[in-house]
């Protein structure tokens, strides 16, 4: 598939990281970009505890940590935010996802693991603005894009 420049750049960033695909999943709107629905602004990733510990050590000079925002690690030089599985989902979306099956509910697109879009639709339908992030208008637009997509296609859902 031919992607817009930012989406292709984000794929290239993930390829360059060369992290084991069994240890992370792209979450949120990333799958919408991988399916060509919109440009890919930033990369939200859920990682295993094992990969998280490695990232903390390996990238110690390239991220900042925030216990208050929706994801704990924000890279300084890359458009990436990272949360751990299942802790970040438990904290940010308690009782929203079935954590027994969530990790395995993904699809590979361009050799990158993306959590299925049904989960994106679910969290974008319930997420609210906070003092750290203003998401409601963007999420409403994304929900409309997903619903339009589903009228003609279910791949990745």
N, C-alpha and C. Protein backbone atom coordinates (compact mmCIF):
# COMPACT_ATOMS: atom_id res chain seq x y z
N UNK A 1 0.84 -1.18 0.00
CA UNK A 1 0.00 0.00 0.00
C UNK A 1 0.89 1.24 0.00
N UNK A 2 0.44 2.26 -0.68
CA UNK A 2 1.15 3.54 -0.68
C UNK A 2 0.59 4.39 0.46
N UNK A 3 1.50 4.90 1.30
CA UNK A 3 1.10 5.68 2.47
C UNK A 3 1.51 7.13 2.32
N UNK A 4 0.85 8.02 3.08
CA UNK A 4 1.29 9.41 3.15
C UNK A 4 2.67 9.43 3.82
N UNK A 5 3.37 10.56 3.70
CA UNK A 5 4.76 10.65 4.17
C UNK A 5 4.90 10.35 5.67
N UNK A 6 4.01 10.91 6.51
CA UNK A 6 4.13 10.70 7.95
C UNK A 6 3.87 9.25 8.34
N UNK A 7 2.87 8.64 7.71
CA UNK A 7 2.59 7.23 8.00
C UNK A 7 3.77 6.36 7.60
N UNK A 8 4.33 6.59 6.42
CA UNK A 8 5.50 5.82 5.99
C UNK A 8 6.67 6.05 6.93
N UNK A 9 6.85 7.29 7.37
CA UNK A 9 7.93 7.60 8.31
C UNK A 9 7.75 6.82 9.61
N UNK A 10 6.52 6.72 10.10
CA UNK A 10 6.29 5.96 11.34
C UNK A 10 6.53 4.47 11.14
N UNK A 11 6.15 3.93 9.99
CA UNK A 11 6.51 2.54 9.71
C UNK A 11 8.03 2.38 9.73
N UNK A 12 8.73 3.30 9.08
CA UNK A 12 10.21 3.23 9.05
C UNK A 12 10.81 3.32 10.44
N UNK A 13 10.25 4.15 11.29
CA UNK A 13 10.73 4.25 12.68
C UNK A 13 10.60 2.89 13.37
N UNK A 14 9.46 2.26 13.21
CA UNK A 14 9.25 0.95 13.85
C UNK A 14 10.19 -0.10 13.27
N UNK A 15 10.40 -0.08 11.96
CA UNK A 15 11.35 -1.02 11.36
C UNK A 15 12.75 -0.79 11.92
N UNK A 16 13.15 0.47 12.02
CA UNK A 16 14.50 0.79 12.50
C UNK A 16 14.70 0.39 13.96
N UNK A 17 13.65 0.45 14.77
CA UNK A 17 13.78 0.02 16.16
C UNK A 17 14.14 -1.46 16.25
N UNK A 18 13.57 -2.23 15.31
CA UNK A 18 13.86 -3.66 15.24
C UNK A 18 13.52 -4.39 16.54
N UNK A 19 12.44 -3.98 17.19
CA UNK A 19 12.00 -4.66 18.40
C UNK A 19 11.29 -5.95 18.01
N UNK A 20 11.36 -6.97 18.85
CA UNK A 20 10.67 -8.22 18.53
C UNK A 20 9.15 -8.01 18.50
N UNK A 21 8.53 -8.38 17.39
CA UNK A 21 7.09 -8.13 17.24
C UNK A 21 6.25 -8.93 18.22
N UNK A 22 6.82 -9.93 18.84
CA UNK A 22 6.08 -10.68 19.85
C UNK A 22 6.00 -9.92 21.18
N UNK A 23 6.75 -8.82 21.30
CA UNK A 23 6.84 -8.09 22.56
C UNK A 23 6.14 -6.73 22.55
N UNK A 24 5.53 -6.34 21.42
CA UNK A 24 4.81 -5.07 21.40
C UNK A 24 3.63 -5.13 20.44
N UNK A 25 2.72 -4.18 20.63
CA UNK A 25 1.57 -4.01 19.74
C UNK A 25 1.34 -2.51 19.56
N UNK A 26 1.12 -2.09 18.33
CA UNK A 26 0.70 -0.72 18.08
C UNK A 26 -0.77 -0.64 18.46
N UNK A 27 -1.10 0.39 19.23
CA UNK A 27 -2.45 0.54 19.76
C UNK A 27 -3.03 1.87 19.30
N UNK A 28 -4.31 2.03 19.41
CA UNK A 28 -4.95 3.31 19.10
C UNK A 28 -5.15 3.51 17.62
N UNK A 29 -4.98 4.76 17.19
CA UNK A 29 -5.26 5.13 15.81
C UNK A 29 -4.26 4.65 14.79
N UNK A 30 -3.17 4.05 15.20
CA UNK A 30 -2.17 3.55 14.26
C UNK A 30 -2.75 2.62 13.21
N UNK A 31 -3.66 1.75 13.62
CA UNK A 31 -4.23 0.81 12.65
C UNK A 31 -5.07 1.56 11.60
N UNK A 32 -5.68 2.66 12.00
CA UNK A 32 -6.44 3.45 11.03
C UNK A 32 -5.51 3.97 9.94
N UNK A 33 -4.31 4.37 10.32
CA UNK A 33 -3.33 4.85 9.35
C UNK A 33 -2.80 3.72 8.49
N UNK A 34 -2.55 2.57 9.11
CA UNK A 34 -2.05 1.41 8.37
C UNK A 34 -3.07 0.94 7.33
N UNK A 35 -4.34 1.21 7.59
CA UNK A 35 -5.39 0.85 6.64
C UNK A 35 -5.75 2.00 5.70
N UNK A 36 -4.99 3.10 5.77
CA UNK A 36 -5.17 4.20 4.84
C UNK A 36 -6.31 5.15 5.16
N UNK A 37 -6.80 5.14 6.41
CA UNK A 37 -7.94 5.99 6.75
C UNK A 37 -7.55 7.41 7.13
N UNK A 38 -6.34 7.61 7.62
CA UNK A 38 -5.90 8.95 8.03
C UNK A 38 -4.39 8.92 8.22
N UNK A 39 -3.74 10.09 8.21
CA UNK A 39 -2.30 10.13 8.49
C UNK A 39 -2.01 9.70 9.93
N UNK A 40 -0.81 9.20 10.14
CA UNK A 40 -0.39 8.65 11.43
C UNK A 40 0.44 9.68 12.16
N UNK A 41 -0.15 10.32 13.16
CA UNK A 41 0.49 11.41 13.88
C UNK A 41 1.59 10.90 14.80
N UNK A 42 1.24 10.10 15.80
CA UNK A 42 2.24 9.56 16.72
C UNK A 42 1.98 8.07 16.92
N UNK A 43 2.96 7.40 17.46
CA UNK A 43 2.91 5.94 17.60
C UNK A 43 2.66 5.60 19.06
N UNK A 44 1.49 5.03 19.34
CA UNK A 44 1.17 4.55 20.67
C UNK A 44 1.42 3.04 20.68
N UNK A 45 2.22 2.60 21.62
CA UNK A 45 2.61 1.19 21.67
C UNK A 45 2.37 0.63 23.06
N UNK A 46 1.87 -0.58 23.09
CA UNK A 46 1.79 -1.34 24.33
C UNK A 46 2.88 -2.40 24.24
N UNK A 47 3.68 -2.50 25.29
CA UNK A 47 4.80 -3.44 25.28
C UNK A 47 4.69 -4.40 26.45
N UNK A 48 5.35 -5.53 26.29
CA UNK A 48 5.44 -6.50 27.38
C UNK A 48 6.30 -5.91 28.50
N UNK A 49 6.16 -6.46 29.68
CA UNK A 49 7.00 -6.02 30.81
C UNK A 49 8.48 -6.23 30.48
N UNK A 50 8.78 -7.34 29.82
CA UNK A 50 10.16 -7.65 29.46
C UNK A 50 10.75 -6.58 28.54
N UNK A 51 10.01 -6.22 27.48
CA UNK A 51 10.50 -5.19 26.56
C UNK A 51 10.56 -3.83 27.27
N UNK A 52 9.60 -3.55 28.11
CA UNK A 52 9.58 -2.28 28.84
C UNK A 52 10.87 -2.11 29.66
N UNK A 53 11.24 -3.14 30.39
CA UNK A 53 12.47 -3.07 31.21
C UNK A 53 13.69 -2.83 30.33
N UNK A 54 13.74 -3.47 29.18
CA UNK A 54 14.86 -3.28 28.26
C UNK A 54 14.87 -1.85 27.71
N UNK A 55 13.69 -1.32 27.35
CA UNK A 55 13.57 0.05 26.83
C UNK A 55 14.05 1.05 27.87
N UNK A 56 13.64 0.86 29.12
CA UNK A 56 14.03 1.78 30.19
C UNK A 56 15.54 1.88 30.28
N UNK A 57 16.22 0.76 30.13
CA UNK A 57 17.70 0.76 30.20
C UNK A 57 18.33 1.23 28.89
N UNK A 58 17.88 0.70 27.79
CA UNK A 58 18.49 0.97 26.49
C UNK A 58 18.31 2.43 26.04
N UNK A 59 17.15 3.00 26.34
CA UNK A 59 16.82 4.35 25.86
C UNK A 59 16.78 5.37 26.99
N UNK A 60 17.53 5.13 28.06
CA UNK A 60 17.43 5.96 29.26
C UNK A 60 17.68 7.44 29.02
N UNK A 61 18.38 7.80 27.96
CA UNK A 61 18.64 9.22 27.67
C UNK A 61 17.69 9.80 26.63
N UNK A 62 16.71 9.02 26.20
CA UNK A 62 15.86 9.46 25.09
C UNK A 62 14.37 9.42 25.42
N UNK A 63 13.99 9.42 26.67
CA UNK A 63 12.58 9.46 27.00
C UNK A 63 12.37 10.18 28.32
N UNK A 64 11.14 10.55 28.54
CA UNK A 64 10.74 11.07 29.84
C UNK A 64 9.55 10.28 30.31
N UNK A 65 9.42 10.19 31.60
CA UNK A 65 8.39 9.37 32.23
C UNK A 65 7.33 10.27 32.85
N UNK A 66 6.09 9.90 32.68
CA UNK A 66 5.01 10.64 33.31
C UNK A 66 4.00 9.68 33.90
N UNK A 67 3.84 9.74 35.20
CA UNK A 67 2.85 8.91 35.87
C UNK A 67 1.44 9.47 35.67
N UNK A 68 1.35 10.72 35.21
CA UNK A 68 0.05 11.38 35.12
C UNK A 68 -0.63 11.23 33.77
N UNK A 69 0.14 11.16 32.70
CA UNK A 69 -0.46 11.09 31.38
C UNK A 69 -0.91 9.68 31.05
N UNK A 70 -1.56 9.53 29.92
CA UNK A 70 -2.16 8.25 29.57
C UNK A 70 -1.16 7.14 29.28
N UNK A 71 0.05 7.48 28.89
CA UNK A 71 1.09 6.47 28.69
C UNK A 71 2.34 6.92 29.44
N UNK A 72 3.05 6.01 30.09
CA UNK A 72 4.15 6.43 30.96
C UNK A 72 5.43 6.89 30.29
N UNK A 73 5.79 6.36 29.13
CA UNK A 73 7.05 6.76 28.50
C UNK A 73 6.75 7.56 27.23
N UNK A 74 7.36 8.73 27.14
CA UNK A 74 7.28 9.58 25.97
C UNK A 74 8.70 9.79 25.47
N UNK A 75 8.98 9.38 24.24
CA UNK A 75 10.33 9.55 23.71
C UNK A 75 10.59 11.02 23.39
N UNK A 76 11.82 11.43 23.55
CA UNK A 76 12.23 12.80 23.28
C UNK A 76 12.43 13.03 21.80
N UNK A 77 13.07 12.08 21.11
CA UNK A 77 13.42 12.27 19.70
C UNK A 77 12.55 11.49 18.72
N UNK A 78 11.63 10.69 19.22
CA UNK A 78 10.76 9.89 18.36
C UNK A 78 9.30 10.15 18.71
N UNK A 79 8.38 10.07 17.74
CA UNK A 79 6.95 10.30 18.02
C UNK A 79 6.29 9.04 18.62
N UNK A 80 6.85 8.57 19.73
CA UNK A 80 6.40 7.31 20.33
C UNK A 80 6.02 7.53 21.78
N UNK A 81 4.90 6.92 22.17
CA UNK A 81 4.49 6.84 23.56
C UNK A 81 4.27 5.37 23.87
N UNK A 82 4.76 4.95 25.05
CA UNK A 82 4.73 3.53 25.39
C UNK A 82 4.05 3.31 26.73
N UNK A 83 3.21 2.31 26.76
CA UNK A 83 2.62 1.82 28.00
C UNK A 83 2.87 0.34 28.11
N UNK A 84 2.78 -0.18 29.31
CA UNK A 84 3.01 -1.61 29.51
C UNK A 84 1.68 -2.37 29.51
N UNK A 85 1.77 -3.59 29.07
CA UNK A 85 0.62 -4.48 29.11
C UNK A 85 0.77 -5.44 30.28
N UNK A 86 -0.25 -5.59 31.11
CA UNK A 86 -1.58 -4.98 31.06
C UNK A 86 -1.74 -3.74 31.93
N UNK A 87 -0.69 -3.31 32.62
CA UNK A 87 -0.81 -2.22 33.61
C UNK A 87 -1.41 -0.95 33.03
N UNK A 88 -0.97 -0.51 31.85
CA UNK A 88 -1.48 0.74 31.27
C UNK A 88 -2.97 0.64 30.95
N UNK A 89 -3.41 -0.51 30.45
CA UNK A 89 -4.83 -0.68 30.15
C UNK A 89 -5.65 -0.71 31.43
N UNK A 90 -5.13 -1.39 32.45
CA UNK A 90 -5.83 -1.42 33.74
C UNK A 90 -5.99 -0.03 34.32
N UNK A 91 -4.95 0.78 34.21
CA UNK A 91 -4.98 2.12 34.79
C UNK A 91 -5.85 3.07 33.96
N UNK A 92 -5.69 3.06 32.65
CA UNK A 92 -6.35 4.04 31.81
C UNK A 92 -7.74 3.64 31.33
N UNK A 93 -7.99 2.35 31.22
CA UNK A 93 -9.28 1.85 30.72
C UNK A 93 -9.75 0.68 31.58
N UNK A 94 -9.96 0.90 32.87
CA UNK A 94 -10.35 -0.22 33.73
C UNK A 94 -11.68 -0.84 33.28
N UNK A 95 -11.67 -2.15 33.20
CA UNK A 95 -12.86 -2.93 32.85
C UNK A 95 -13.40 -2.66 31.45
N UNK A 96 -12.59 -2.10 30.56
CA UNK A 96 -13.04 -1.84 29.19
C UNK A 96 -12.69 -3.01 28.27
N UNK A 97 -11.48 -3.53 28.43
CA UNK A 97 -11.00 -4.60 27.55
C UNK A 97 -10.88 -5.91 28.29
N UNK A 98 -11.07 -7.01 27.55
CA UNK A 98 -10.83 -8.33 28.11
C UNK A 98 -9.32 -8.59 28.03
N UNK A 99 -8.64 -8.46 29.14
CA UNK A 99 -7.19 -8.57 29.15
C UNK A 99 -6.70 -10.00 28.95
N UNK A 100 -7.60 -10.96 29.06
CA UNK A 100 -7.23 -12.35 28.79
C UNK A 100 -6.97 -12.58 27.30
N UNK A 101 -7.64 -11.83 26.46
CA UNK A 101 -7.53 -12.04 25.01
C UNK A 101 -6.93 -10.84 24.27
N UNK A 102 -6.84 -9.69 24.91
CA UNK A 102 -6.44 -8.45 24.25
C UNK A 102 -5.11 -8.57 23.53
N UNK A 103 -4.09 -9.07 24.18
CA UNK A 103 -2.74 -9.14 23.60
C UNK A 103 -2.72 -9.94 22.30
N UNK A 104 -3.54 -10.98 22.23
CA UNK A 104 -3.56 -11.84 21.05
C UNK A 104 -4.55 -11.37 19.98
N UNK A 105 -5.21 -10.25 20.22
CA UNK A 105 -6.20 -9.74 19.30
C UNK A 105 -5.57 -8.66 18.41
N UNK A 106 -4.70 -9.10 17.50
CA UNK A 106 -3.96 -8.17 16.65
C UNK A 106 -3.85 -8.73 15.24
N UNK A 107 -3.36 -7.86 14.35
CA UNK A 107 -3.13 -8.25 12.96
C UNK A 107 -1.79 -7.66 12.53
N UNK A 108 -1.08 -8.41 11.70
CA UNK A 108 0.19 -7.92 11.16
C UNK A 108 -0.09 -7.16 9.87
N UNK A 109 0.37 -5.92 9.83
CA UNK A 109 0.28 -5.10 8.62
C UNK A 109 1.68 -4.58 8.34
N UNK A 110 2.21 -4.88 7.16
CA UNK A 110 3.57 -4.47 6.80
C UNK A 110 4.58 -4.96 7.86
N UNK A 111 4.34 -6.15 8.39
CA UNK A 111 5.21 -6.80 9.39
C UNK A 111 5.26 -6.07 10.73
N UNK A 112 4.22 -5.31 11.03
CA UNK A 112 4.09 -4.60 12.31
C UNK A 112 2.81 -5.10 12.97
N UNK A 113 2.83 -5.43 14.27
CA UNK A 113 1.62 -5.91 14.95
C UNK A 113 0.72 -4.76 15.43
N UNK A 114 -0.51 -4.73 14.95
CA UNK A 114 -1.49 -3.71 15.32
C UNK A 114 -2.64 -4.36 16.08
N UNK A 115 -2.99 -3.80 17.24
CA UNK A 115 -4.20 -4.23 17.93
C UNK A 115 -5.38 -3.93 17.01
N UNK A 116 -6.35 -4.85 16.96
CA UNK A 116 -7.46 -4.71 16.03
C UNK A 116 -8.25 -3.42 16.25
N UNK A 117 -8.81 -2.93 15.17
CA UNK A 117 -9.51 -1.64 15.17
C UNK A 117 -10.76 -1.66 16.04
N UNK A 118 -11.33 -2.80 16.33
CA UNK A 118 -12.51 -2.84 17.21
C UNK A 118 -12.16 -2.27 18.58
N UNK A 119 -10.90 -2.49 19.01
CA UNK A 119 -10.48 -1.95 20.30
C UNK A 119 -10.26 -0.44 20.22
N UNK A 120 -9.78 0.03 19.06
CA UNK A 120 -9.65 1.47 18.85
C UNK A 120 -11.03 2.13 18.91
N UNK A 121 -12.00 1.54 18.23
CA UNK A 121 -13.36 2.07 18.24
C UNK A 121 -13.91 2.11 19.67
N UNK A 122 -13.66 1.06 20.42
CA UNK A 122 -14.18 0.99 21.78
C UNK A 122 -13.62 2.11 22.65
N UNK A 123 -12.29 2.28 22.64
CA UNK A 123 -11.74 3.28 23.54
C UNK A 123 -11.96 4.71 23.03
N UNK A 124 -12.00 4.90 21.71
CA UNK A 124 -12.27 6.24 21.19
C UNK A 124 -13.73 6.64 21.44
N UNK A 125 -14.61 5.67 21.62
CA UNK A 125 -16.01 5.96 21.91
C UNK A 125 -16.23 6.39 23.36
N UNK A 126 -15.29 6.04 24.26
CA UNK A 126 -15.50 6.35 25.67
C UNK A 126 -14.50 7.34 26.27
N UNK A 127 -13.40 7.59 25.56
CA UNK A 127 -12.33 8.43 26.10
C UNK A 127 -12.80 9.87 26.23
N UNK A 128 -12.37 10.52 27.29
CA UNK A 128 -12.75 11.91 27.57
C UNK A 128 -11.52 12.80 27.65
N UNK A 129 -11.73 14.10 27.45
CA UNK A 129 -10.66 15.08 27.63
C UNK A 129 -10.16 15.05 29.07
N UNK A 130 -8.90 15.39 29.23
CA UNK A 130 -8.33 15.57 30.56
C UNK A 130 -7.48 16.83 30.52
N UNK A 131 -6.88 17.17 31.64
CA UNK A 131 -6.01 18.35 31.63
C UNK A 131 -4.74 18.12 30.83
N UNK A 132 -4.41 16.85 30.50
CA UNK A 132 -3.20 16.54 29.74
C UNK A 132 -3.46 16.38 28.25
N UNK A 133 -4.63 15.86 27.90
CA UNK A 133 -4.93 15.62 26.49
C UNK A 133 -6.36 16.04 26.17
N UNK A 134 -6.53 16.68 25.01
CA UNK A 134 -7.84 17.08 24.51
C UNK A 134 -8.14 16.16 23.33
N UNK A 135 -8.99 15.17 23.55
CA UNK A 135 -9.16 14.12 22.55
C UNK A 135 -10.58 13.97 22.01
N UNK A 136 -11.55 14.56 22.65
CA UNK A 136 -12.93 14.24 22.30
C UNK A 136 -13.29 14.59 20.85
N UNK A 137 -12.89 15.76 20.35
CA UNK A 137 -13.21 16.11 18.97
C UNK A 137 -12.51 15.18 17.98
N UNK A 138 -11.22 14.91 18.22
CA UNK A 138 -10.46 14.01 17.35
C UNK A 138 -11.07 12.61 17.39
N UNK A 139 -11.41 12.14 18.59
CA UNK A 139 -11.97 10.79 18.71
C UNK A 139 -13.32 10.69 18.03
N UNK A 140 -14.14 11.72 18.12
CA UNK A 140 -15.44 11.71 17.44
C UNK A 140 -15.24 11.56 15.93
N UNK A 141 -14.29 12.30 15.39
CA UNK A 141 -13.97 12.22 13.97
C UNK A 141 -13.46 10.82 13.61
N UNK A 142 -12.61 10.25 14.46
CA UNK A 142 -12.07 8.91 14.20
C UNK A 142 -13.17 7.85 14.25
N UNK A 143 -14.11 7.98 15.18
CA UNK A 143 -15.23 7.04 15.26
C UNK A 143 -16.04 7.09 13.97
N UNK A 144 -16.25 8.30 13.43
CA UNK A 144 -16.97 8.43 12.17
C UNK A 144 -16.19 7.77 11.03
N UNK A 145 -14.87 7.96 10.98
CA UNK A 145 -14.05 7.32 9.95
C UNK A 145 -14.14 5.80 10.03
N UNK A 146 -14.06 5.27 11.24
CA UNK A 146 -14.15 3.81 11.43
C UNK A 146 -15.50 3.31 10.97
N UNK A 147 -16.56 3.98 11.38
CA UNK A 147 -17.91 3.54 10.98
C UNK A 147 -18.11 3.60 9.47
N UNK A 148 -17.54 4.60 8.81
CA UNK A 148 -17.60 4.67 7.35
C UNK A 148 -16.83 3.51 6.72
N UNK A 149 -15.65 3.24 7.25
CA UNK A 149 -14.82 2.13 6.77
C UNK A 149 -15.58 0.81 6.88
N UNK A 150 -16.27 0.62 8.00
CA UNK A 150 -16.97 -0.65 8.24
C UNK A 150 -18.16 -0.87 7.31
N UNK A 151 -18.62 0.17 6.66
CA UNK A 151 -19.72 0.00 5.71
C UNK A 151 -19.29 -0.81 4.50
N UNK A 152 -17.98 -0.81 4.20
CA UNK A 152 -17.51 -1.50 2.99
C UNK A 152 -16.40 -2.52 3.26
N UNK A 153 -15.88 -2.56 4.48
CA UNK A 153 -14.71 -3.41 4.75
C UNK A 153 -14.67 -3.78 6.23
N UNK A 154 -14.21 -4.98 6.51
CA UNK A 154 -14.05 -5.37 7.91
C UNK A 154 -12.60 -5.83 8.21
N UNK A 155 -11.71 -5.72 7.23
CA UNK A 155 -10.33 -6.13 7.44
C UNK A 155 -9.72 -5.30 8.57
N UNK A 156 -9.11 -5.98 9.53
CA UNK A 156 -8.47 -5.31 10.64
C UNK A 156 -9.39 -4.96 11.79
N UNK A 157 -10.67 -5.32 11.64
CA UNK A 157 -11.63 -4.98 12.70
C UNK A 157 -11.77 -6.15 13.66
